[in-house]
N, C-alpha and C. Protein backbone atom coordinates (compact mmCIF):
# COMPACT_ATOMS: atom_id res chain seq x y z
N MET A 1 24.67 13.72 -6.23
CA MET A 1 24.13 13.51 -4.57
C MET A 1 22.41 12.79 -5.14
N SER A 2 22.43 13.48 -6.13
CA SER A 2 20.61 12.49 -6.48
C SER A 2 21.61 11.16 -7.25
N SER A 3 22.64 10.67 -7.65
CA SER A 3 22.75 9.37 -8.46
C SER A 3 22.91 8.50 -7.32
N THR A 4 23.16 9.13 -5.63
CA THR A 4 22.69 7.86 -4.69
C THR A 4 21.72 7.82 -4.56
N ARG A 5 20.35 8.67 -4.14
CA ARG A 5 19.61 8.56 -3.72
C ARG A 5 18.68 7.09 -4.07
N TRP A 6 18.77 7.30 -5.62
CA TRP A 6 17.81 6.49 -6.39
C TRP A 6 17.85 4.84 -6.19
N PRO A 7 19.61 4.39 -6.67
CA PRO A 7 19.52 3.12 -5.70
C PRO A 7 19.98 2.80 -4.20
N ARG A 8 19.58 3.52 -3.21
CA ARG A 8 18.99 3.97 -2.21
C ARG A 8 17.52 3.36 -1.74
N PHE A 9 16.75 4.22 -2.30
CA PHE A 9 15.44 4.18 -2.33
C PHE A 9 15.04 2.47 -3.05
N VAL A 10 15.52 2.48 -4.40
CA VAL A 10 15.24 1.50 -4.64
C VAL A 10 15.26 -0.21 -3.67
N ALA A 11 16.53 0.19 -3.26
CA ALA A 11 16.80 -0.94 -2.28
C ALA A 11 16.04 -1.05 -0.88
N TRP A 12 15.61 0.36 -0.68
CA TRP A 12 14.80 0.61 0.59
C TRP A 12 13.03 -0.03 -0.18
N ARG A 13 12.92 0.02 -0.77
CA ARG A 13 11.70 -0.55 -1.27
C ARG A 13 11.44 -1.87 -1.23
N ARG A 14 12.73 -2.58 -1.68
CA ARG A 14 12.43 -4.20 -1.93
C ARG A 14 12.20 -4.37 -0.57
N GLU A 15 12.68 -4.09 0.69
CA GLU A 15 12.45 -4.44 1.61
C GLU A 15 11.15 -4.35 2.67
N ARG A 16 10.68 -4.02 1.62
CA ARG A 16 8.78 -3.66 2.92
C ARG A 16 8.14 -3.73 1.41
N PRO A 17 6.26 -3.82 2.11
CA PRO A 17 5.76 -3.98 0.96
C PRO A 17 5.22 -2.82 0.21
N PHE A 18 6.51 -2.85 -0.78
CA PHE A 18 5.70 -1.04 -0.69
C PHE A 18 4.36 -0.45 -1.86
N VAL A 19 4.22 -1.81 -2.93
CA VAL A 19 3.34 -1.26 -3.60
C VAL A 19 2.36 -1.63 -3.14
N GLY A 20 1.37 -2.13 -1.97
CA GLY A 20 0.63 -2.76 -1.55
C GLY A 20 0.23 -1.31 -0.01
N GLY A 21 0.93 -0.57 0.26
CA GLY A 21 1.20 0.24 1.29
C GLY A 21 1.12 1.36 0.20
N LEU A 22 1.41 1.41 -1.14
CA LEU A 22 0.87 2.92 -1.50
C LEU A 22 -0.84 2.78 -2.26
N LEU A 23 -0.95 1.40 -2.88
CA LEU A 23 -2.56 1.30 -3.27
C LEU A 23 -3.28 1.79 -1.77
N THR A 24 -2.87 1.23 -0.38
CA THR A 24 -3.85 1.38 0.18
C THR A 24 -3.61 3.19 0.79
N ILE A 25 -2.50 3.81 0.62
CA ILE A 25 -3.05 5.52 1.04
C ILE A 25 -3.42 5.89 -0.49
N LEU A 26 -3.17 5.45 -1.44
CA LEU A 26 -4.14 5.90 -2.55
C LEU A 26 -5.74 5.52 -2.24
N ALA A 27 -6.43 4.38 -1.71
CA ALA A 27 -7.65 4.51 -1.45
C ALA A 27 -7.66 5.56 -0.20
N GLY A 28 -7.18 5.63 0.34
CA GLY A 28 -7.45 6.35 1.33
C GLY A 28 -7.38 8.38 0.94
N VAL A 29 -6.67 8.21 -0.24
CA VAL A 29 -7.42 9.57 -0.36
C VAL A 29 -8.06 9.71 -1.45
N GLU A 30 -8.40 8.73 -2.11
CA GLU A 30 -9.63 8.63 -2.96
C GLU A 30 -11.15 8.98 -2.21
N MET A 31 -10.96 8.43 -1.10
CA MET A 31 -12.31 7.84 -0.28
C MET A 31 -12.70 9.50 0.56
N PHE A 32 -11.15 9.86 0.85
CA PHE A 32 -11.11 11.14 1.62
C PHE A 32 -11.77 12.29 0.38
N PHE A 33 -11.31 12.27 -0.95
CA PHE A 33 -12.21 13.53 -1.93
C PHE A 33 -13.38 13.43 -2.30
N SER A 34 -14.07 11.82 -2.39
CA SER A 34 -14.99 11.06 -2.59
C SER A 34 -15.89 11.48 -2.28
N GLY A 35 -15.87 11.51 -0.54
CA GLY A 35 -16.47 12.53 0.54
C GLY A 35 -17.25 13.43 0.79
N GLN A 36 -16.09 14.38 0.05
CA GLN A 36 -16.05 15.84 -0.35
C GLN A 36 -16.48 16.37 -1.35
N LEU A 37 -17.64 15.42 -2.38
CA LEU A 37 -17.48 15.44 -3.62
C LEU A 37 -19.03 16.49 -3.59
N ASP A 38 -19.01 17.70 -4.47
CA ASP A 38 -19.77 18.29 -4.92
C ASP A 38 -19.94 18.41 -6.20
N VAL A 39 -21.41 18.57 -6.68
CA VAL A 39 -22.23 18.15 -8.02
C VAL A 39 -22.68 19.84 -7.85
N GLY A 40 -22.33 20.66 -8.67
CA GLY A 40 -23.23 21.68 -8.85
C GLY A 40 -23.30 22.56 -7.12
N ASN A 41 -25.20 22.60 -7.07
CA ASN A 41 -25.28 22.87 -5.78
C ASN A 41 -25.69 22.29 -5.26
N ILE A 42 -25.39 20.43 -5.26
CA ILE A 42 -25.79 19.22 -4.42
C ILE A 42 -24.59 18.57 -3.74
N HIS A 43 -24.44 18.71 -2.60
CA HIS A 43 -23.51 17.63 -1.82
C HIS A 43 -23.84 16.20 -1.88
N VAL A 44 -22.67 15.48 -2.56
CA VAL A 44 -23.02 14.12 -2.53
C VAL A 44 -22.74 13.32 -1.18
N GLN A 45 -23.08 12.63 -0.12
CA GLN A 45 -22.66 12.22 0.84
C GLN A 45 -23.55 10.70 0.93
N LEU A 46 -23.32 9.78 0.87
CA LEU A 46 -24.63 8.30 0.39
C LEU A 46 -23.97 7.69 2.04
N GLY A 47 -22.98 7.99 2.73
CA GLY A 47 -22.72 7.19 4.00
C GLY A 47 -23.21 7.84 4.66
N ILE A 48 -22.95 7.63 6.05
CA ILE A 48 -23.13 8.22 7.68
C ILE A 48 -22.10 9.38 7.42
N GLU A 49 -23.31 10.58 7.77
CA GLU A 49 -22.30 12.01 7.55
C GLU A 49 -21.12 12.04 8.54
N GLY A 50 -20.45 12.87 8.34
CA GLY A 50 -19.14 13.22 9.57
C GLY A 50 -18.27 12.18 9.72
N LEU A 51 -18.45 11.76 11.24
CA LEU A 51 -17.14 10.50 11.29
C LEU A 51 -16.75 9.96 10.64
N GLN A 52 -17.28 9.19 10.11
CA GLN A 52 -16.78 7.38 9.38
C GLN A 52 -16.32 8.15 7.94
N ALA A 53 -16.70 9.25 7.33
CA ALA A 53 -16.27 9.52 5.90
C ALA A 53 -15.07 10.10 6.23
N THR A 54 -14.85 11.05 7.41
CA THR A 54 -13.25 11.22 7.63
C THR A 54 -12.27 10.32 8.12
N VAL A 55 -12.93 9.28 8.99
CA VAL A 55 -12.04 8.01 9.99
C VAL A 55 -11.50 7.87 9.20
N ILE A 56 -12.23 6.52 8.26
CA ILE A 56 -12.02 5.38 7.58
C ILE A 56 -10.56 6.25 6.12
N PRO A 57 -10.79 7.12 5.90
CA PRO A 57 -9.92 7.42 4.69
C PRO A 57 -8.12 7.73 5.31
N ILE A 58 -8.66 8.54 6.67
CA ILE A 58 -7.34 9.08 7.25
C ILE A 58 -7.03 7.30 7.94
N LEU A 59 -7.83 6.29 8.55
CA LEU A 59 -6.98 5.30 8.85
C LEU A 59 -6.41 4.08 7.65
N LEU A 60 -7.40 4.40 6.55
CA LEU A 60 -6.43 3.86 5.11
C LEU A 60 -4.89 4.27 4.62
N VAL A 61 -4.81 5.76 5.32
CA VAL A 61 -3.22 6.23 4.70
C VAL A 61 -2.32 5.33 6.21
N VAL A 62 -3.14 6.13 6.96
CA VAL A 62 -2.24 5.59 8.09
C VAL A 62 -1.80 4.04 8.41
N LEU A 63 -2.80 3.06 7.57
CA LEU A 63 -2.26 1.86 7.61
C LEU A 63 -1.24 1.41 6.30
N GLY A 64 -1.89 2.26 5.90
CA GLY A 64 -0.72 2.19 4.34
C GLY A 64 0.77 2.70 4.61
N ILE A 65 0.57 4.08 5.51
CA ILE A 65 2.24 3.92 5.66
C ILE A 65 3.12 3.26 6.96
N LEU A 66 2.70 2.82 7.79
CA LEU A 66 2.70 1.66 8.93
C LEU A 66 3.02 0.82 8.13
N ALA A 67 2.45 -0.16 7.41
CA ALA A 67 2.69 -1.23 6.16
C ALA A 67 4.24 -0.77 6.15
N MET A 68 4.67 0.48 5.30
CA MET A 68 5.61 0.17 4.06
C MET A 68 7.06 0.86 5.62
N LEU A 69 6.27 1.57 6.51
CA LEU A 69 7.58 1.44 7.37
C LEU A 69 7.77 0.77 8.39
N MET A 70 7.16 -0.39 9.09
CA MET A 70 7.10 -1.53 9.78
C MET A 70 6.17 -3.22 9.15
N PRO A 71 7.87 -3.61 8.21
CA PRO A 71 6.62 -4.46 7.45
C PRO A 71 7.04 -5.59 8.05
N VAL A 72 7.77 -5.89 9.45
CA VAL A 72 7.29 -6.92 10.26
C VAL A 72 6.00 -7.40 10.64
N HIS A 73 5.10 -5.89 10.67
CA HIS A 73 3.46 -6.12 11.23
C HIS A 73 2.73 -6.03 10.39
N ARG A 74 3.69 -6.17 8.82
CA ARG A 74 2.67 -6.00 7.35
C ARG A 74 1.05 -7.26 7.32
N ILE A 75 1.29 -8.23 7.95
CA ILE A 75 0.35 -9.25 8.15
C ILE A 75 -1.06 -8.28 8.66
N PHE A 76 -0.49 -7.44 9.76
CA PHE A 76 -1.65 -6.82 10.76
C PHE A 76 -2.15 -6.09 10.20
N TYR A 77 -1.55 -4.72 9.50
CA TYR A 77 -1.89 -4.26 8.82
C TYR A 77 -2.53 -4.41 7.49
N GLY A 78 -2.13 -5.05 7.26
CA GLY A 78 -3.09 -5.78 5.51
C GLY A 78 -4.62 -5.96 5.94
N VAL A 79 -4.33 -7.28 7.13
CA VAL A 79 -6.19 -7.43 7.29
C VAL A 79 -6.61 -6.45 7.75
N ILE A 80 -6.19 -4.88 8.68
CA ILE A 80 -7.14 -4.55 8.56
C ILE A 80 -7.70 -3.75 7.53
N ALA A 81 -6.38 -2.86 6.38
CA ALA A 81 -6.81 -2.52 5.19
C ALA A 81 -7.92 -2.75 4.85
N LEU A 82 -8.06 -4.37 4.86
CA LEU A 82 -8.69 -4.55 3.78
C LEU A 82 -10.19 -4.96 4.22
N VAL A 83 -10.01 -5.11 5.75
CA VAL A 83 -11.80 -4.78 6.45
C VAL A 83 -12.01 -3.52 6.37
N VAL A 84 -11.43 -2.39 6.59
CA VAL A 84 -12.15 -1.39 6.21
C VAL A 84 -12.72 -1.12 5.31
N SER A 85 -11.42 -1.20 4.32
CA SER A 85 -11.84 -1.14 2.58
C SER A 85 -13.32 -1.58 2.17
N VAL A 86 -13.05 -3.00 2.80
CA VAL A 86 -14.66 -3.30 2.34
C VAL A 86 -15.78 -2.81 3.25
N TYR A 87 -15.47 -2.36 4.63
CA TYR A 87 -16.50 -1.52 5.58
C TYR A 87 -16.87 -0.53 4.86
N SER A 88 -16.05 0.36 3.80
CA SER A 88 -16.11 1.71 3.60
C SER A 88 -17.31 1.35 2.27
N LEU A 89 -17.70 0.66 1.80
CA LEU A 89 -19.06 0.32 1.02
C LEU A 89 -19.83 1.10 1.69
N ILE A 90 -20.18 1.06 2.90
CA ILE A 90 -21.16 1.14 3.86
C ILE A 90 -20.85 2.26 4.85
N GLY A 91 -19.78 3.01 4.77
CA GLY A 91 -19.60 3.98 5.39
C GLY A 91 -19.18 5.48 4.25
N VAL A 92 -18.29 5.21 3.53
CA VAL A 92 -18.31 6.63 2.84
C VAL A 92 -18.45 6.38 1.19
N ASN A 93 -19.68 6.72 1.04
CA ASN A 93 -19.52 6.78 -0.31
C ASN A 93 -19.76 5.89 -1.10
N LEU A 94 -19.99 4.47 -1.29
CA LEU A 94 -20.33 3.33 -1.55
C LEU A 94 -18.34 2.94 -1.98
N GLY A 95 -17.55 3.36 -0.91
CA GLY A 95 -16.07 2.87 -0.98
C GLY A 95 -15.43 3.62 -1.81
N GLY A 96 -15.86 5.39 -1.41
CA GLY A 96 -15.12 6.11 -2.80
C GLY A 96 -15.79 5.85 -4.08
N PHE A 97 -17.24 5.34 -4.42
CA PHE A 97 -17.56 4.56 -5.50
C PHE A 97 -17.21 3.61 -6.39
N PHE A 98 -16.79 2.74 -5.38
CA PHE A 98 -16.09 1.45 -5.60
C PHE A 98 -14.58 1.34 -5.59
N ILE A 99 -13.95 2.62 -6.58
CA ILE A 99 -12.68 2.74 -6.99
C ILE A 99 -11.95 2.99 -5.68
N GLY A 100 -12.30 3.19 -4.40
CA GLY A 100 -11.13 3.48 -3.37
C GLY A 100 -11.78 2.28 -2.47
N MET A 101 -12.19 1.50 -2.83
CA MET A 101 -12.49 0.19 -1.82
C MET A 101 -12.09 -0.82 -2.77
N LEU A 102 -11.84 -0.66 -4.13
CA LEU A 102 -10.87 -1.79 -4.72
C LEU A 102 -9.35 -1.66 -4.57
N LEU A 103 -9.14 -0.44 -4.47
CA LEU A 103 -7.32 -0.24 -4.52
C LEU A 103 -7.46 -0.64 -2.91
N GLY A 104 -8.11 -0.32 -2.00
CA GLY A 104 -7.96 -0.54 -0.74
C GLY A 104 -7.66 -1.84 -0.26
N ALA A 105 -8.47 -2.89 -0.87
CA ALA A 105 -8.43 -4.49 -1.16
C ALA A 105 -7.44 -4.89 -1.39
N ILE A 106 -6.76 -4.61 -2.80
CA ILE A 106 -5.98 -4.89 -3.31
C ILE A 106 -4.75 -4.61 -2.69
N GLY A 107 -4.66 -3.18 -1.65
CA GLY A 107 -3.46 -3.01 -1.31
C GLY A 107 -3.21 -3.75 -0.04
N GLY A 108 -4.46 -3.97 0.69
CA GLY A 108 -4.45 -5.03 2.00
C GLY A 108 -3.97 -6.36 1.26
N ILE A 109 -4.41 -7.29 0.25
CA ILE A 109 -4.00 -8.28 -0.32
C ILE A 109 -2.51 -8.27 -0.51
N LEU A 110 -1.95 -7.32 -1.49
CA LEU A 110 -0.68 -7.31 -1.81
C LEU A 110 0.07 -7.21 -0.47
N THR A 111 0.06 -6.41 0.82
CA THR A 111 0.34 -5.73 1.91
C THR A 111 0.90 -7.42 2.42
N VAL A 112 -0.51 -8.43 2.30
CA VAL A 112 -0.20 -9.41 3.43
C VAL A 112 0.72 -10.80 2.78
N ALA A 113 0.20 -10.22 1.08
CA ALA A 113 1.13 -11.41 0.41
C ALA A 113 2.74 -11.11 0.17
N TRP A 114 2.91 -10.03 0.72
CA TRP A 114 4.64 -9.31 0.21
C TRP A 114 5.04 -10.33 1.39
N MET A 115 6.38 -10.77 0.86
CA MET A 115 6.94 -11.74 1.50
C MET A 115 8.85 -11.14 1.36
N PRO A 116 9.65 -11.03 2.22
CA PRO A 116 10.80 -10.78 2.65
C PRO A 116 11.79 -11.41 1.64
N LYS A 117 12.59 -11.26 0.78
CA LYS A 117 13.51 -12.13 0.54
C LYS A 117 14.39 -12.54 1.58
N ASN A 118 14.67 -13.73 1.20
CA ASN A 118 15.48 -14.75 2.14
C ASN A 118 17.30 -14.02 2.03
N ARG A 119 17.59 -13.82 2.91
CA ARG A 119 19.26 -13.31 3.39
C ARG A 119 20.42 -14.15 2.25
N GLU A 120 19.96 -15.32 2.33
CA GLU A 120 21.13 -16.09 2.33
C GLU A 120 20.36 -16.18 0.41
N GLN A 121 19.51 -16.25 0.11
CA GLN A 121 18.58 -16.03 -1.16
C GLN A 121 19.80 -14.80 -2.25
N VAL A 122 19.48 -13.76 -1.51
CA VAL A 122 19.80 -12.55 -1.87
C VAL A 122 21.59 -13.23 -2.32
N SER A 123 22.01 -13.50 -1.52
CA SER A 123 23.54 -13.85 -1.31
C SER A 123 24.28 -14.34 -2.42
N ASP A 124 23.37 -15.49 -2.58
CA ASP A 124 23.85 -16.62 -3.66
C ASP A 124 23.38 -15.88 -4.90
N GLU A 125 22.29 -14.74 -4.97
CA GLU A 125 21.93 -14.41 -6.25
C GLU A 125 22.97 -13.44 -6.95
N THR A 126 23.60 -12.64 -5.95
CA THR A 126 24.67 -11.46 -5.51
C THR A 126 25.68 -12.09 -6.54
N ILE A 127 26.20 -13.42 -5.71
CA ILE A 127 27.61 -14.30 -6.20
C ILE A 127 26.98 -14.68 -7.71
N VAL A 128 25.96 -15.50 -7.91
CA VAL A 128 25.78 -16.02 -9.36
C VAL A 128 26.03 -14.26 -10.50
N ALA A 129 25.50 -13.37 -10.23
CA ALA A 129 25.52 -12.25 -10.46
C ALA A 129 27.15 -12.12 -11.22
N GLN A 130 27.81 -11.72 -9.89
CA GLN A 130 29.45 -11.81 -10.01
C GLN A 130 29.75 -12.59 -10.71
N GLN A 131 29.32 -13.70 -11.52
CA GLN A 131 30.34 -14.80 -11.90
C GLN A 131 29.85 -14.54 -13.05
N VAL A 132 28.41 -14.00 -13.15
CA VAL A 132 28.15 -14.23 -14.72
C VAL A 132 28.71 -12.46 -15.36
N ALA A 133 28.96 -12.36 -14.87
CA ALA A 133 29.64 -10.43 -15.21
C ALA A 133 31.24 -10.78 -15.19
N THR A 134 32.31 -11.76 -14.36
CA THR A 134 33.30 -11.70 -14.89
C THR A 134 33.51 -12.78 -15.82
N GLY A 135 32.70 -13.87 -16.36
CA GLY A 135 32.65 -14.87 -16.54
C GLY A 135 33.54 -15.82 -16.50
N THR A 136 33.29 -16.12 -14.87
CA THR A 136 33.54 -17.49 -14.36
C THR A 136 32.60 -17.89 -13.65
N ASN A 137 32.80 -19.45 -13.55
CA ASN A 137 32.12 -20.42 -13.54
C ASN A 137 32.58 -20.72 -11.85
N GLY A 138 33.02 -20.47 -11.17
CA GLY A 138 32.92 -20.34 -9.59
C GLY A 138 33.86 -21.84 -9.04
N SER A 139 34.33 -22.76 -10.34
CA SER A 139 35.24 -24.32 -10.19
C SER A 139 36.94 -23.57 -9.76
């Protein structure tokens, strides 16, 4: 059963902006934990306390998941993730101490830049690969 799962996952991953969504999710997780940072008896929180330190990371995680599940709307989700990541410099401990902001910005850019493969191009590549494998040239 596991031998069929990996090829199905790879095929699913290639049809959507997986890396951009994953980086956006990681940015949200990193920002969430940077907002909950305790150093000894000192609670470090540079941004506006409370709502923004919780909403921004959750929003980034949701945007990353939505970008992977609905690649048709990837441009919208990527632009919003990029804007929220840049705004996190003000709202969440300097954007998760810059690491979360960079992850979110790169994830948003990769999500916007991702393009699905053309179906005709995929079928042509498949035909060429089959011809190479069988040693025929199609003539």
